[in-house]
Amino acid sequence: MNDIIGLKKLRQDAQEIINKVARGQSFIVVRRSKPVFEINPVHTSKPIDLRAWKKAAGMWKGRGGPDPVKWQRKIRQESERTFI
């Protein structure tokens, strides 16, 4: 079921609406009593394949820049040491 909300309510209660959309609720946003757009939750039909992401990150290997996967691990380790 789509709930109807105005642009003002969307601006004022954005976080609440985001939370409801994340739980599966849909909204139709109106301006001056006319529908402007619809907000729907994103439904993924399959889980994200992390191997594809790793392959994409690895495409920069050997191009003179740092390996993005190693760089990200290094940043995470440094941030953990800094805040602990």
N, C-alpha and C. Protein backbone atom coordinates (compact mmCIF):
# COMPACT_ATOMS: atom_id res chain seq x y z
N MET A 1 0.84 -1.19 0.00
CA MET A 1 0.00 0.00 0.00
C MET A 1 0.88 1.24 0.00
N ASN A 2 0.54 2.20 -0.81
CA ASN A 2 1.29 3.45 -0.89
C ASN A 2 0.61 4.50 -0.01
N ASP A 3 1.38 5.11 0.86
CA ASP A 3 0.90 6.24 1.62
C ASP A 3 1.19 7.51 0.84
N ILE A 4 0.34 8.51 1.01
CA ILE A 4 0.50 9.77 0.31
C ILE A 4 1.03 10.79 1.31
N ILE A 5 2.15 11.44 0.94
CA ILE A 5 2.74 12.46 1.80
C ILE A 5 3.08 13.68 0.94
N GLY A 6 3.16 14.82 1.59
CA GLY A 6 3.52 16.05 0.90
C GLY A 6 5.03 16.28 0.96
N LEU A 7 5.50 17.18 0.11
CA LEU A 7 6.92 17.50 0.09
C LEU A 7 7.40 18.06 1.42
N LYS A 8 6.56 18.86 2.08
CA LYS A 8 6.94 19.44 3.37
C LYS A 8 7.18 18.35 4.40
N LYS A 9 6.29 17.37 4.45
CA LYS A 9 6.45 16.26 5.39
C LYS A 9 7.70 15.46 5.06
N LEU A 10 7.97 15.27 3.78
CA LEU A 10 9.18 14.55 3.38
C LEU A 10 10.43 15.27 3.87
N ARG A 11 10.45 16.59 3.73
CA ARG A 11 11.61 17.36 4.19
C ARG A 11 11.73 17.33 5.71
N GLN A 12 10.62 17.46 6.41
CA GLN A 12 10.66 17.52 7.87
C GLN A 12 10.94 16.19 8.52
N ASP A 13 10.41 15.12 7.97
CA ASP A 13 10.52 13.79 8.59
C ASP A 13 11.29 12.82 7.71
N ALA A 14 12.36 13.29 7.07
CA ALA A 14 13.09 12.45 6.12
C ALA A 14 13.60 11.16 6.75
N GLN A 15 14.19 11.24 7.94
CA GLN A 15 14.76 10.04 8.56
C GLN A 15 13.67 9.01 8.88
N GLU A 16 12.55 9.46 9.37
CA GLU A 16 11.44 8.56 9.68
C GLU A 16 10.94 7.86 8.40
N ILE A 17 10.83 8.61 7.32
CA ILE A 17 10.36 8.04 6.06
C ILE A 17 11.38 7.06 5.50
N ILE A 18 12.67 7.39 5.61
CA ILE A 18 13.71 6.47 5.16
C ILE A 18 13.61 5.15 5.92
N ASN A 19 13.40 5.22 7.22
CA ASN A 19 13.28 4.00 8.02
C ASN A 19 12.08 3.17 7.59
N LYS A 20 10.97 3.83 7.30
CA LYS A 20 9.78 3.10 6.86
C LYS A 20 9.99 2.46 5.49
N VAL A 21 10.67 3.16 4.60
CA VAL A 21 10.95 2.60 3.28
C VAL A 21 11.88 1.40 3.41
N ALA A 22 12.84 1.48 4.31
CA ALA A 22 13.75 0.35 4.54
C ALA A 22 13.00 -0.87 5.05
N ARG A 23 11.89 -0.66 5.73
CA ARG A 23 11.07 -1.77 6.23
C ARG A 23 10.06 -2.26 5.18
N GLY A 24 10.03 -1.61 4.00
CA GLY A 24 9.19 -2.11 2.92
C GLY A 24 8.00 -1.25 2.54
N GLN A 25 7.82 -0.12 3.19
CA GLN A 25 6.67 0.73 2.89
C GLN A 25 6.96 1.64 1.69
N SER A 26 5.95 1.96 0.91
CA SER A 26 6.09 2.84 -0.25
C SER A 26 5.32 4.13 -0.02
N PHE A 27 5.76 5.20 -0.68
CA PHE A 27 5.11 6.50 -0.54
C PHE A 27 4.93 7.15 -1.91
N ILE A 28 3.85 7.89 -2.05
CA ILE A 28 3.65 8.77 -3.20
C ILE A 28 3.75 10.19 -2.66
N VAL A 29 4.65 10.97 -3.25
CA VAL A 29 4.88 12.34 -2.79
C VAL A 29 4.11 13.29 -3.70
N VAL A 30 3.35 14.19 -3.07
CA VAL A 30 2.53 15.14 -3.83
C VAL A 30 3.00 16.57 -3.58
N ARG A 31 2.79 17.40 -4.60
CA ARG A 31 3.02 18.84 -4.49
C ARG A 31 1.79 19.53 -5.04
N ARG A 32 1.17 20.34 -4.23
CA ARG A 32 -0.07 21.03 -4.62
C ARG A 32 -1.13 20.04 -5.07
N SER A 33 -1.26 18.98 -4.31
CA SER A 33 -2.27 17.93 -4.52
C SER A 33 -2.09 17.13 -5.81
N LYS A 34 -0.91 17.21 -6.42
CA LYS A 34 -0.64 16.42 -7.62
C LYS A 34 0.56 15.51 -7.36
N PRO A 35 0.47 14.25 -7.75
CA PRO A 35 1.60 13.34 -7.54
C PRO A 35 2.84 13.82 -8.30
N VAL A 36 3.98 13.79 -7.62
CA VAL A 36 5.24 14.22 -8.22
C VAL A 36 6.15 13.03 -8.46
N PHE A 37 6.33 12.20 -7.44
CA PHE A 37 7.15 11.01 -7.59
C PHE A 37 6.77 9.99 -6.53
N GLU A 38 7.35 8.81 -6.67
CA GLU A 38 7.05 7.70 -5.78
C GLU A 38 8.36 7.22 -5.16
N ILE A 39 8.29 6.87 -3.88
CA ILE A 39 9.45 6.32 -3.18
C ILE A 39 9.14 4.86 -2.87
N ASN A 40 9.99 3.97 -3.37
CA ASN A 40 9.81 2.53 -3.16
C ASN A 40 11.09 1.93 -2.59
N PRO A 41 10.95 0.87 -1.80
CA PRO A 41 12.16 0.19 -1.32
C PRO A 41 12.85 -0.55 -2.46
N VAL A 42 14.14 -0.72 -2.33
CA VAL A 42 14.91 -1.46 -3.32
C VAL A 42 14.86 -2.93 -2.94
N HIS A 43 14.43 -3.74 -3.88
CA HIS A 43 14.38 -5.18 -3.66
C HIS A 43 15.41 -5.84 -4.56
N THR A 44 16.37 -6.49 -3.97
CA THR A 44 17.36 -7.21 -4.77
C THR A 44 16.92 -8.66 -4.87
N SER A 45 16.97 -9.19 -6.06
CA SER A 45 16.52 -10.55 -6.28
C SER A 45 17.57 -11.58 -5.89
N LYS A 46 18.83 -11.14 -5.83
CA LYS A 46 19.88 -12.07 -5.44
C LYS A 46 20.88 -11.34 -4.55
N PRO A 47 21.60 -12.08 -3.72
CA PRO A 47 22.58 -11.42 -2.88
C PRO A 47 23.74 -10.85 -3.71
N ILE A 48 24.39 -9.87 -3.17
CA ILE A 48 25.51 -9.24 -3.86
C ILE A 48 26.67 -10.22 -3.94
N ASP A 49 27.25 -10.36 -5.11
CA ASP A 49 28.39 -11.25 -5.32
C ASP A 49 29.68 -10.47 -5.04
N LEU A 50 30.30 -10.75 -3.90
CA LEU A 50 31.51 -10.03 -3.53
C LEU A 50 32.69 -10.36 -4.45
N ARG A 51 32.65 -11.52 -5.09
CA ARG A 51 33.74 -11.87 -6.00
C ARG A 51 33.82 -10.89 -7.16
N ALA A 52 32.68 -10.42 -7.63
CA ALA A 52 32.68 -9.44 -8.72
C ALA A 52 33.31 -8.13 -8.27
N TRP A 53 33.03 -7.72 -7.04
CA TRP A 53 33.63 -6.49 -6.51
C TRP A 53 35.14 -6.63 -6.37
N LYS A 54 35.58 -7.79 -5.89
CA LYS A 54 37.02 -8.01 -5.74
C LYS A 54 37.70 -8.03 -7.09
N LYS A 55 37.04 -8.61 -8.08
CA LYS A 55 37.60 -8.64 -9.43
C LYS A 55 37.72 -7.22 -9.98
N ALA A 56 36.70 -6.41 -9.76
CA ALA A 56 36.73 -5.03 -10.24
C ALA A 56 37.83 -4.23 -9.53
N ALA A 57 37.99 -4.47 -8.23
CA ALA A 57 39.05 -3.78 -7.49
C ALA A 57 40.42 -4.23 -7.97
N GLY A 58 40.55 -5.50 -8.37
CA GLY A 58 41.83 -6.03 -8.81
C GLY A 58 42.22 -5.60 -10.21
N MET A 59 41.31 -4.98 -10.96
CA MET A 59 41.64 -4.61 -12.33
C MET A 59 42.70 -3.52 -12.38
N TRP A 60 42.94 -2.83 -11.27
CA TRP A 60 43.94 -1.76 -11.25
C TRP A 60 45.32 -2.27 -10.87
N LYS A 61 45.45 -3.57 -10.58
CA LYS A 61 46.75 -4.12 -10.21
C LYS A 61 47.72 -3.96 -11.37
N GLY A 62 48.94 -3.58 -11.05
CA GLY A 62 49.98 -3.45 -12.05
C GLY A 62 49.90 -2.19 -12.88
N ARG A 63 49.08 -1.26 -12.52
CA ARG A 63 48.96 -0.01 -13.30
C ARG A 63 49.69 1.14 -12.62
N GLY A 64 50.57 0.84 -11.71
CA GLY A 64 51.37 1.89 -11.09
C GLY A 64 50.76 2.44 -9.80
N GLY A 65 49.50 2.19 -9.55
CA GLY A 65 48.87 2.67 -8.33
C GLY A 65 48.82 1.57 -7.28
N PRO A 66 48.45 1.93 -6.06
CA PRO A 66 48.37 0.91 -5.01
C PRO A 66 47.19 -0.03 -5.25
N ASP A 67 47.33 -1.24 -4.75
CA ASP A 67 46.24 -2.21 -4.83
C ASP A 67 45.12 -1.71 -3.92
N PRO A 68 43.91 -1.47 -4.45
CA PRO A 68 42.84 -0.89 -3.63
C PRO A 68 42.44 -1.76 -2.45
N VAL A 69 42.49 -3.07 -2.60
CA VAL A 69 42.10 -3.95 -1.50
C VAL A 69 43.10 -3.84 -0.37
N LYS A 70 44.41 -3.88 -0.69
CA LYS A 70 45.45 -3.74 0.33
C LYS A 70 45.40 -2.35 0.97
N TRP A 71 45.15 -1.33 0.15
CA TRP A 71 45.07 0.03 0.66
C TRP A 71 43.93 0.16 1.66
N GLN A 72 42.76 -0.43 1.34
CA GLN A 72 41.61 -0.36 2.24
C GLN A 72 41.90 -1.09 3.54
N ARG A 73 42.54 -2.26 3.47
CA ARG A 73 42.90 -2.99 4.69
C ARG A 73 43.85 -2.17 5.56
N LYS A 74 44.82 -1.52 4.92
CA LYS A 74 45.78 -0.70 5.65
C LYS A 74 45.07 0.45 6.37
N ILE A 75 44.15 1.11 5.69
CA ILE A 75 43.40 2.23 6.28
C ILE A 75 42.58 1.73 7.47
N ARG A 76 41.93 0.58 7.33
CA ARG A 76 41.14 0.04 8.44
C ARG A 76 42.01 -0.28 9.64
N GLN A 77 43.17 -0.89 9.40
CA GLN A 77 44.08 -1.23 10.50
C GLN A 77 44.57 0.02 11.20
N GLU A 78 44.92 1.05 10.43
CA GLU A 78 45.39 2.29 11.02
C GLU A 78 44.30 2.95 11.84
N SER A 79 43.06 2.95 11.35
CA SER A 79 41.98 3.58 12.10
C SER A 79 41.66 2.82 13.37
N GLU A 80 41.78 1.51 13.35
CA GLU A 80 41.55 0.72 14.57
C GLU A 80 42.60 1.01 15.61
N ARG A 81 43.86 1.16 15.18
CA ARG A 81 44.93 1.47 16.13
C ARG A 81 44.76 2.87 16.71
N THR A 82 44.28 3.81 15.91
CA THR A 82 44.15 5.18 16.34
C THR A 82 43.08 5.34 17.42
N PHE A 83 41.95 4.67 17.27
CA PHE A 83 40.82 4.90 18.16
C PHE A 83 40.76 3.95 19.34
N ILE A 84 41.58 2.92 19.36
CA ILE A 84 41.52 1.97 20.48
C ILE A 84 42.48 2.34 21.55
